[in-house]
Amino acid sequence: MIAIVSDVHANLEALQAVYHDIVQRGIKRIFFLGDIVGYGPNPAEVLDFIQHFEFCLLGNHDQAALRGPLKTFNKVAQSATWWTHDQLNPENVSAKFLRKGLYEQKKKHWEFLQNLKPVRNVGDTMFVHDYPAEPGSWKYVRKAEDALRGFGAHPQMRLFFFGHSHIPGVWTRESFSKPEPGQVYRFDQPLMVNVGSVGQPRDKDPRACYVILEPDCLRFYRVPYDVAKTQAKIRATPELDDVLADRLGTGT
C-alpha cells in the first residue's frame, strides 16, 4: 500500500498527525504531490520531514519560495512567500551562525527544492501537483472539461493523482464525486483523483486529508490535528496574515 499526500504548506502539526495515522496503518511508502511550503509557519521543519518520503513533487508554492511569488498570488500569499523565501534562502544566513550549521541546513533545503519536478509517471499512473493535461502550468482541475483534457492528453494512463486546489474529488470520464472518509474507489475505469490537502483543506472540513492506494482500489482518509497550535504560530509571525490562521479552523 502507498499513502499519497499533498499540500502540507508548512503545517507541521497536520503533517505529524497524518504521518502517525499512516504509520499506524502499517504503510511505509509515501508519495508527496507538492506544495511543501507556503502559508504555514514551519517550512524548515516540514522540509526535514518530507525529504525522506519515497518521492516528492514540485508545487507552485515551492517554486515561488525559490523565485518569488507568482503573478496569480494575492497579497496574503505574496507576503507568506517572501517570508518563506527568507526562512529558507541560505544567502540570508549571517556569518555568526555558520558554525551552528544553519547555512548547511538551509543549503540542503534549498537544493532539495531546486531539484523537484512537478510530475512523475509510474507505469500507467501519473502523479502531478496541478493539472494532468499540462503539468507545471499551475492550472486547476475544477470541472469535467479539465478532467477530460487530462484523460485525452495521456490516453495510456489509467490513474491520475494530484492536489493543488486543496479540494478532494474523483473524476471519471462520465462523472464527478466528492469522497467521504473511508470511501472506496475501484479501478474498473480510468480515474482522476484530487487527494485533497494535509495542511490547508478547503472543502469546509478542517481535518487533514490524504489517500491510501491499495492494489485494487483507493480510499480517502481525514485526520484531526492540533489546529489551535498551528494557528498560534501563524498569528505570532507578523509576515503571515491572520487569515491564514482563521481559515485552518473552517477548512475554507
C-alpha atoms as a PDB file:
ATOM      1  CA  MET A   1       0.000   0.000   0.000  1.00  0.00           C
ATOM      2  CA  ILE A   2       1.037   3.592  -0.648  1.00  0.00           C
ATOM      3  CA  ALA A   3       0.000   6.773   1.122  1.00  0.00           C
ATOM      4  CA  ILE A   4      -0.426   9.765  -1.203  1.00  0.00           C
ATOM      5  CA  VAL A   5      -0.287  13.199   0.429  1.00  0.00           C
ATOM      6  CA  SER A   6      -0.220  16.741  -0.913  1.00  0.00           C
ATOM      7  CA  ASP A   7      -0.261  20.418   0.007  1.00  0.00           C
ATOM      8  CA  VAL A   8       1.185  20.402   3.511  1.00  0.00           C
ATOM      9  CA  HIS A   9       2.036  24.125   3.256  1.00  0.00           C
ATOM     10  CA  ALA A  10       4.471  24.199   6.176  1.00  0.00           C
ATOM     11  CA  ASN A  11       1.838  22.913   8.624  1.00  0.00           C
ATOM     12  CA  LEU A  12       3.931  20.699  10.873  1.00  0.00           C
ATOM     13  CA  GLU A  13       1.131  19.632  13.215  1.00  0.00           C
ATOM     14  CA  ALA A  14      -1.057  18.410  10.339  1.00  0.00           C
ATOM     15  CA  LEU A  15       1.851  16.538   8.752  1.00  0.00           C
ATOM     16  CA  GLN A  16       2.789  14.838  12.018  1.00  0.00           C
ATOM     17  CA  ALA A  17      -0.801  13.730  12.594  1.00  0.00           C
ATOM     18  CA  VAL A  18      -1.119  12.299   9.085  1.00  0.00           C
ATOM     19  CA  TYR A  19       2.250  10.569   9.302  1.00  0.00           C
ATOM     20  CA  HIS A  20       1.230   8.971  12.611  1.00  0.00           C
ATOM     21  CA  ASP A  21      -2.003   7.753  11.007  1.00  0.00           C
ATOM     22  CA  ILE A  22      -0.075   6.320   8.055  1.00  0.00           C
ATOM     23  CA  VAL A  23       2.400   4.504  10.295  1.00  0.00           C
ATOM     24  CA  GLN A  24      -0.407   3.117  12.465  1.00  0.00           C
ATOM     25  CA  ARG A  25      -1.822   1.512   9.326  1.00  0.00           C
ATOM     26  CA  GLY A  26       1.486  -0.212   8.629  1.00  0.00           C
ATOM     27  CA  ILE A  27       2.211   1.793   5.473  1.00  0.00           C
ATOM     28  CA  LYS A  28       5.868   2.528   4.681  1.00  0.00           C
ATOM     29  CA  ARG A  29       5.663   4.089   1.205  1.00  0.00           C
ATOM     30  CA  ILE A  30       4.646   7.752   0.993  1.00  0.00           C
ATOM     31  CA  PHE A  31       4.356   9.814  -2.199  1.00  0.00           C
ATOM     32  CA  PHE A  32       4.120  13.594  -1.882  1.00  0.00           C
ATOM     33  CA  LEU A  33       2.494  15.693  -4.613  1.00  0.00           C
ATOM     34  CA  GLY A  34       3.870  19.168  -3.952  1.00  0.00           C
ATOM     35  CA  ASP A  35       3.460  22.417  -2.009  1.00  0.00           C
ATOM     36  CA  ILE A  36       5.686  21.531   0.884  1.00  0.00           C
ATOM     37  CA  VAL A  37       5.818  25.182   1.942  1.00  0.00           C
ATOM     38  CA  GLY A  38       3.815  28.411   1.670  1.00  0.00           C
ATOM     39  CA  TYR A  39       1.203  29.833   4.082  1.00  0.00           C
ATOM     40  CA  GLY A  40       2.391  27.878   7.128  1.00  0.00           C
ATOM     41  CA  PRO A  41       4.820  28.640   9.966  1.00  0.00           C
ATOM     42  CA  ASN A  42       7.261  25.684   9.820  1.00  0.00           C
ATOM     43  CA  PRO A  43       8.842  25.466   6.341  1.00  0.00           C
ATOM     44  CA  ALA A  44      12.236  24.157   7.502  1.00  0.00           C
ATOM     45  CA  GLU A  45      10.810  21.550   9.851  1.00  0.00           C
ATOM     46  CA  VAL A  46       8.386  20.260   7.220  1.00  0.00           C
ATOM     47  CA  LEU A  47      11.175  20.068   4.656  1.00  0.00           C
ATOM     48  CA  ASP A  48      13.238  17.992   7.072  1.00  0.00           C
ATOM     49  CA  PHE A  49      10.286  15.620   7.394  1.00  0.00           C
ATOM     50  CA  ILE A  50       9.174  15.338   3.788  1.00  0.00           C
ATOM     51  CA  GLN A  51      12.546  14.857   2.118  1.00  0.00           C
ATOM     52  CA  HIS A  52      12.596  11.307   3.486  1.00  0.00           C
ATOM     53  CA  PHE A  53       9.412  10.272   1.642  1.00  0.00           C
ATOM     54  CA  GLU A  54       9.784   7.949  -1.354  1.00  0.00           C
ATOM     55  CA  PHE A  55       9.368  10.873  -3.740  1.00  0.00           C
ATOM     56  CA  CYS A  56       8.267  14.487  -3.684  1.00  0.00           C
ATOM     57  CA  LEU A  57       6.956  16.706  -6.479  1.00  0.00           C
ATOM     58  CA  LEU A  58       7.314  20.437  -7.029  1.00  0.00           C
ATOM     59  CA  GLY A  59       4.316  22.612  -6.203  1.00  0.00           C
ATOM     60  CA  ASN A  60       3.676  26.190  -7.241  1.00  0.00           C
ATOM     61  CA  HIS A  61       4.360  27.470  -3.722  1.00  0.00           C
ATOM     62  CA  ASP A  62       7.625  25.529  -3.635  1.00  0.00           C
ATOM     63  CA  GLN A  63       8.652  27.177  -6.878  1.00  0.00           C
ATOM     64  CA  ALA A  64       7.565  30.564  -5.549  1.00  0.00           C
ATOM     65  CA  ALA A  65       9.697  30.112  -2.434  1.00  0.00           C
ATOM     66  CA  LEU A  66      12.698  29.825  -4.741  1.00  0.00           C
ATOM     67  CA  ARG A  67      11.857  32.517  -7.313  1.00  0.00           C
ATOM     68  CA  GLY A  68       9.319  34.847  -5.733  1.00  0.00           C
ATOM     69  CA  PRO A  69       5.501  34.992  -5.809  1.00  0.00           C
ATOM     70  CA  LEU A  70       3.566  34.052  -8.926  1.00  0.00           C
ATOM     71  CA  LYS A  71       1.510  36.750 -10.651  1.00  0.00           C
ATOM     72  CA  THR A  72      -1.657  34.974  -9.548  1.00  0.00           C
ATOM     73  CA  PHE A  73      -0.801  35.243  -5.830  1.00  0.00           C
ATOM     74  CA  ASN A  74      -2.846  37.666  -3.745  1.00  0.00           C
ATOM     75  CA  LYS A  75      -1.219  39.944  -1.146  1.00  0.00           C
ATOM     76  CA  VAL A  76      -1.571  37.393   1.634  1.00  0.00           C
ATOM     77  CA  ALA A  77       0.145  34.701  -0.438  1.00  0.00           C
ATOM     78  CA  GLN A  78       2.830  37.150  -1.610  1.00  0.00           C
ATOM     79  CA  SER A  79       3.757  38.118   1.935  1.00  0.00           C
ATOM     80  CA  ALA A  80       3.859  34.478   3.039  1.00  0.00           C
ATOM     81  CA  THR A  81       6.021  33.626   0.020  1.00  0.00           C
ATOM     82  CA  TRP A  82       8.637  36.265   0.748  1.00  0.00           C
ATOM     83  CA  TRP A  83       8.762  35.245   4.412  1.00  0.00           C
ATOM     84  CA  THR A  84       9.198  31.590   3.414  1.00  0.00           C
ATOM     85  CA  HIS A  85      11.888  32.579   0.924  1.00  0.00           C
ATOM     86  CA  ASP A  86      13.786  34.404   3.665  1.00  0.00           C
ATOM     87  CA  GLN A  87      13.473  31.439   6.035  1.00  0.00           C
ATOM     88  CA  LEU A  88      14.943  29.011   3.514  1.00  0.00           C
ATOM     89  CA  ASN A  89      17.427  31.004   1.426  1.00  0.00           C
ATOM     90  CA  PRO A  90      20.973  30.105   2.568  1.00  0.00           C
ATOM     91  CA  GLU A  91      22.240  33.504   1.444  1.00  0.00           C
ATOM     92  CA  ASN A  92      20.292  35.062   4.329  1.00  0.00           C
ATOM     93  CA  VAL A  93      22.442  33.379   6.979  1.00  0.00           C
ATOM     94  CA  SER A  94      24.870  35.759   8.635  1.00  0.00           C
ATOM     95  CA  ALA A  95      28.422  34.714   9.465  1.00  0.00           C
ATOM     96  CA  LYS A  96      27.781  34.306  13.193  1.00  0.00           C
ATOM     97  CA  PHE A  97      25.503  31.332  12.521  1.00  0.00           C
ATOM     98  CA  LEU A  98      27.822  29.466  10.171  1.00  0.00           C
ATOM     99  CA  ARG A  99      29.415  27.398  12.933  1.00  0.00           C
ATOM    100  CA  LYS A 100      26.000  26.216  14.090  1.00  0.00           C
ATOM    101  CA  GLY A 101      25.367  24.522  10.775  1.00  0.00           C
ATOM    102  CA  LEU A 102      22.419  26.730   9.847  1.00  0.00           C
ATOM    103  CA  TYR A 103      23.887  27.572   6.470  1.00  0.00           C
ATOM    104  CA  GLU A 104      24.384  23.893   5.647  1.00  0.00           C
ATOM    105  CA  GLN A 105      20.822  23.089   6.691  1.00  0.00           C
ATOM    106  CA  LYS A 106      19.358  25.875   4.563  1.00  0.00           C
ATOM    107  CA  LYS A 107      21.556  24.964   1.623  1.00  0.00           C
ATOM    108  CA  LYS A 108      20.316  21.381   1.842  1.00  0.00           C
ATOM    109  CA  HIS A 109      16.676  22.535   1.887  1.00  0.00           C
ATOM    110  CA  TRP A 110      17.256  24.980  -0.969  1.00  0.00           C
ATOM    111  CA  GLU A 111      18.901  22.384  -3.190  1.00  0.00           C
ATOM    112  CA  PHE A 112      16.169  19.866  -2.403  1.00  0.00           C
ATOM    113  CA  LEU A 113      13.521  22.322  -3.623  1.00  0.00           C
ATOM    114  CA  GLN A 114      15.573  23.184  -6.703  1.00  0.00           C
ATOM    115  CA  ASN A 115      15.713  19.525  -7.757  1.00  0.00           C
ATOM    116  CA  LEU A 116      11.972  18.838  -7.537  1.00  0.00           C
ATOM    117  CA  LYS A 117       9.865  18.169 -10.652  1.00  0.00           C
ATOM    118  CA  PRO A 118       6.092  18.738 -11.000  1.00  0.00           C
ATOM    119  CA  VAL A 119       5.218  15.302 -12.400  1.00  0.00           C
ATOM    120  CA  ARG A 120       6.215  11.656 -12.169  1.00  0.00           C
ATOM    121  CA  ASN A 121       4.856   8.632 -14.014  1.00  0.00           C
ATOM    122  CA  VAL A 122       4.889   5.139 -12.529  1.00  0.00           C
ATOM    123  CA  GLY A 123       3.614   2.566 -15.013  1.00  0.00           C
ATOM    124  CA  ASP A 124       0.121   3.617 -16.069  1.00  0.00           C
ATOM    125  CA  THR A 125      -0.252   6.051 -13.152  1.00  0.00           C
ATOM    126  CA  MET A 126       0.543   9.766 -13.298  1.00  0.00           C
ATOM    127  CA  PHE A 127       1.414  11.748 -10.179  1.00  0.00           C
ATOM    128  CA  VAL A 128       1.335  15.511 -10.669  1.00  0.00           C
ATOM    129  CA  HIS A 129       0.920  18.559  -8.474  1.00  0.00           C
ATOM    130  CA  ASP A 130      -1.520  20.541 -10.542  1.00  0.00           C
ATOM    131  CA  TYR A 131      -3.074  19.849 -13.960  1.00  0.00           C
ATOM    132  CA  PRO A 132      -2.526  16.467 -15.645  1.00  0.00           C
ATOM    133  CA  ALA A 133      -3.099  17.920 -19.116  1.00  0.00           C
ATOM    134  CA  GLU A 134      -0.269  20.463 -18.583  1.00  0.00           C
ATOM    135  CA  PRO A 135       1.947  19.576 -15.603  1.00  0.00           C
ATOM    136  CA  GLY A 136       3.719  22.593 -14.173  1.00  0.00           C
ATOM    137  CA  SER A 137       1.301  25.102 -15.692  1.00  0.00           C
ATOM    138  CA  TRP A 138      -0.234  25.602 -12.235  1.00  0.00           C
ATOM    139  CA  LYS A 139      -3.724  25.353 -13.704  1.00  0.00           C
ATOM    140  CA  TYR A 140      -6.526  23.617 -11.816  1.00  0.00           C
ATOM    141  CA  VAL A 141      -8.853  20.703 -12.400  1.00  0.00           C
ATOM    142  CA  ARG A 142     -12.140  22.336 -11.442  1.00  0.00           C
ATOM    143  CA  LYS A 143     -14.722  20.919 -13.830  1.00  0.00           C
ATOM    144  CA  ALA A 144     -15.439  17.993 -16.129  1.00  0.00           C
ATOM    145  CA  GLU A 145     -13.771  19.640 -19.118  1.00  0.00           C
ATOM    146  CA  ASP A 146     -10.494  19.934 -17.215  1.00  0.00           C
ATOM    147  CA  ALA A 147     -10.564  16.250 -16.296  1.00  0.00           C
ATOM    148  CA  LEU A 148     -11.415  15.210 -19.834  1.00  0.00           C
ATOM    149  CA  ARG A 149      -8.428  17.142 -21.172  1.00  0.00           C
ATOM    150  CA  GLY A 150      -6.214  15.208 -18.795  1.00  0.00           C
ATOM    151  CA  PHE A 151      -7.636  11.855 -19.879  1.00  0.00           C
ATOM    152  CA  GLY A 152      -7.258  12.864 -23.518  1.00  0.00           C
ATOM    153  CA  ALA A 153      -3.699  14.148 -23.168  1.00  0.00           C
ATOM    154  CA  HIS A 154      -2.482  10.871 -21.663  1.00  0.00           C
ATOM    155  CA  PRO A 155      -4.635   8.011 -23.027  1.00  0.00           C
ATOM    156  CA  GLN A 156      -2.061   5.450 -21.884  1.00  0.00           C
ATOM    157  CA  MET A 157      -2.646   6.375 -18.225  1.00  0.00           C
ATOM    158  CA  ARG A 158      -5.411   4.822 -16.111  1.00  0.00           C
ATOM    159  CA  LEU A 159      -4.874   6.673 -12.836  1.00  0.00           C
ATOM    160  CA  PHE A 160      -4.065  10.333 -12.163  1.00  0.00           C
ATOM    161  CA  PHE A 161      -3.276  11.696  -8.696  1.00  0.00           C
ATOM    162  CA  PHE A 162      -2.872  15.403  -7.973  1.00  0.00           C
ATOM    163  CA  GLY A 163      -3.570  18.146  -5.401  1.00  0.00           C
ATOM    164  CA  HIS A 164      -3.229  21.933  -5.856  1.00  0.00           C
ATOM    165  CA  SER A 165      -6.836  23.042  -5.261  1.00  0.00           C
ATOM    166  CA  HIS A 166      -6.974  21.529  -1.744  1.00  0.00           C
ATOM    167  CA  ILE A 167     -10.410  20.069  -2.532  1.00  0.00           C
ATOM    168  CA  PRO A 168     -10.643  16.262  -2.727  1.00  0.00           C
ATOM    169  CA  GLY A 169     -12.582  14.750  -5.603  1.00  0.00           C
ATOM    170  CA  VAL A 170     -12.729  11.877  -8.091  1.00  0.00           C
ATOM    171  CA  TRP A 171     -13.497  12.216 -11.786  1.00  0.00           C
ATOM    172  CA  THR A 172     -14.267   9.544 -14.346  1.00  0.00           C
ATOM    173  CA  ARG A 173     -14.914  10.332 -17.993  1.00  0.00           C
ATOM    174  CA  GLU A 174     -18.635  10.493 -17.169  1.00  0.00           C
ATOM    175  CA  SER A 175     -18.979  11.759 -13.610  1.00  0.00           C
ATOM    176  CA  PHE A 176     -17.589  13.534 -10.533  1.00  0.00           C
ATOM    177  CA  SER A 177     -17.927  12.570  -6.877  1.00  0.00           C
ATOM    178  CA  LYS A 178     -16.936  14.191  -3.607  1.00  0.00           C
ATOM    179  CA  PRO A 179     -15.374  11.462  -1.476  1.00  0.00           C
ATOM    180  CA  GLU A 180     -16.309  10.670   2.092  1.00  0.00           C
ATOM    181  CA  PRO A 181     -13.702   9.412   4.601  1.00  0.00           C
ATOM    182  CA  GLY A 182     -13.071   5.721   4.090  1.00  0.00           C
ATOM    183  CA  GLN A 183     -14.878   5.669   0.758  1.00  0.00           C
ATOM    184  CA  VAL A 184     -13.549   3.040  -1.657  1.00  0.00           C
ATOM    185  CA  TYR A 185     -12.944   3.628  -5.360  1.00  0.00           C
ATOM    186  CA  ARG A 186     -12.241   0.577  -7.526  1.00  0.00           C
ATOM    187  CA  PHE A 187     -10.069   0.648 -10.636  1.00  0.00           C
ATOM    188  CA  ASP A 188     -12.719  -0.552 -13.057  1.00  0.00           C
ATOM    189  CA  GLN A 189     -12.241   2.557 -15.221  1.00  0.00           C
ATOM    190  CA  PRO A 190      -9.734   5.433 -15.537  1.00  0.00           C
ATOM    191  CA  LEU A 191      -9.827   7.777 -12.540  1.00  0.00           C
ATOM    192  CA  MET A 192      -8.604  11.302 -11.938  1.00  0.00           C
ATOM    193  CA  VAL A 193      -8.117  11.851  -8.197  1.00  0.00           C
ATOM    194  CA  ASN A 194      -7.538  15.033  -6.222  1.00  0.00           C
ATOM    195  CA  VAL A 195      -6.142  13.761  -2.926  1.00  0.00           C
ATOM    196  CA  GLY A 196      -7.014  16.945  -1.017  1.00  0.00           C
ATOM    197  CA  SER A 197      -4.704  18.810   1.329  1.00  0.00           C
ATOM    198  CA  VAL A 198      -2.877  17.847   4.504  1.00  0.00           C
ATOM    199  CA  GLY A 199      -2.152  21.353   5.763  1.00  0.00           C
ATOM    200  CA  GLN A 200      -4.701  23.652   4.092  1.00  0.00           C
ATOM    201  CA  PRO A 201      -8.034  21.853   3.471  1.00  0.00           C
ATOM    202  CA  ARG A 202     -10.587  23.992   1.650  1.00  0.00           C
ATOM    203  CA  ASP A 203     -13.637  21.749   1.417  1.00  0.00           C
ATOM    204  CA  LYS A 204     -15.180  23.021   4.689  1.00  0.00           C
ATOM    205  CA  ASP A 205     -13.634  20.139   6.641  1.00  0.00           C
ATOM    206  CA  PRO A 206     -10.591  21.329   8.615  1.00  0.00           C
ATOM    207  CA  ARG A 207      -9.218  17.821   9.122  1.00  0.00           C
ATOM    208  CA  ALA A 208      -6.122  16.848   7.143  1.00  0.00           C
ATOM    209  CA  CYS A 209      -6.905  14.783   4.048  1.00  0.00           C
ATOM    210  CA  TYR A 210      -4.923  12.073   2.257  1.00  0.00           C
ATOM    211  CA  VAL A 211      -5.365   8.917   0.164  1.00  0.00           C
ATOM    212  CA  ILE A 212      -4.220   5.326   0.530  1.00  0.00           C
ATOM    213  CA  LEU A 213      -3.566   3.458  -2.704  1.00  0.00           C
ATOM    214  CA  GLU A 214      -4.184  -0.288  -2.464  1.00  0.00           C
ATOM    215  CA  PRO A 215      -3.582  -2.944  -5.150  1.00  0.00           C
ATOM    216  CA  ASP A 216      -7.152  -2.791  -6.497  1.00  0.00           C
ATOM    217  CA  CYS A 217      -8.670   0.364  -5.007  1.00  0.00           C
ATOM    218  CA  LEU A 218      -8.052   3.653  -3.215  1.00  0.00           C
ATOM    219  CA  ARG A 219      -9.541   5.164  -0.066  1.00  0.00           C
ATOM    220  CA  PHE A 220      -9.746   8.682   1.363  1.00  0.00           C
ATOM    221  CA  TYR A 221      -8.943   9.443   4.999  1.00  0.00           C
ATOM    222  CA  ARG A 222      -9.389  12.503   7.254  1.00  0.00           C
ATOM    223  CA  VAL A 223      -7.193  13.109  10.285  1.00  0.00           C
ATOM    224  CA  PRO A 224      -7.776  15.681  13.054  1.00  0.00           C
ATOM    225  CA  TYR A 225      -4.774  17.599  14.349  1.00  0.00           C
ATOM    226  CA  ASP A 226      -3.944  20.429  16.769  1.00  0.00           C
ATOM    227  CA  VAL A 227      -5.253  23.290  14.636  1.00  0.00           C
ATOM    228  CA  ALA A 228      -5.002  25.780  17.511  1.00  0.00           C
ATOM    229  CA  LYS A 229      -1.263  25.185  17.839  1.00  0.00           C
ATOM    230  CA  THR A 230      -0.635  25.922  14.169  1.00  0.00           C
ATOM    231  CA  GLN A 231      -2.925  28.958  14.315  1.00  0.00           C
ATOM    232  CA  ALA A 232      -0.974  30.364  17.274  1.00  0.00           C
ATOM    233  CA  LYS A 233       2.311  30.021  15.380  1.00  0.00           C
ATOM    234  CA  ILE A 234       0.889  31.844  12.359  1.00  0.00           C
ATOM    235  CA  ARG A 235      -0.503  34.678  14.488  1.00  0.00           C
ATOM    236  CA  ALA A 236       2.875  35.032  16.213  1.00  0.00           C
ATOM    237  CA  THR A 237       4.560  35.603  12.828  1.00  0.00           C
ATOM    238  CA  PRO A 238       3.895  39.177  11.596  1.00  0.00           C
ATOM    239  CA  GLU A 239       4.635  38.319   7.962  1.00  0.00           C
ATOM    240  CA  LEU A 240       1.889  35.661   7.940  1.00  0.00           C
ATOM    241  CA  ASP A 241      -1.587  37.186   7.748  1.00  0.00           C
ATOM    242  CA  ASP A 242      -4.100  36.132  10.414  1.00  0.00           C
ATOM    243  CA  VAL A 243      -6.460  34.993   7.653  1.00  0.00           C
ATOM    244  CA  LEU A 244      -4.100  32.036   7.129  1.00  0.00           C
ATOM    245  CA  ALA A 245      -4.776  31.003  10.736  1.00  0.00           C
ATOM    246  CA  ASP A 246      -8.504  31.670  10.575  1.00  0.00           C
ATOM    247  CA  ARG A 247      -9.090  29.500   7.517  1.00  0.00           C
ATOM    248  CA  LEU A 248      -7.484  26.464   9.170  1.00  0.00           C
ATOM    249  CA  GLY A 249     -10.333  26.342  11.658  1.00  0.00           C
ATOM    250  CA  THR A 250     -13.030  26.332   8.992  1.00  0.00           C
ATOM    251  CA  GLY A 251     -11.433  24.407   6.136  1.00  0.00           C
ATOM    252  CA  THR A 252     -12.026  27.259   3.722  1.00  0.00           C
END
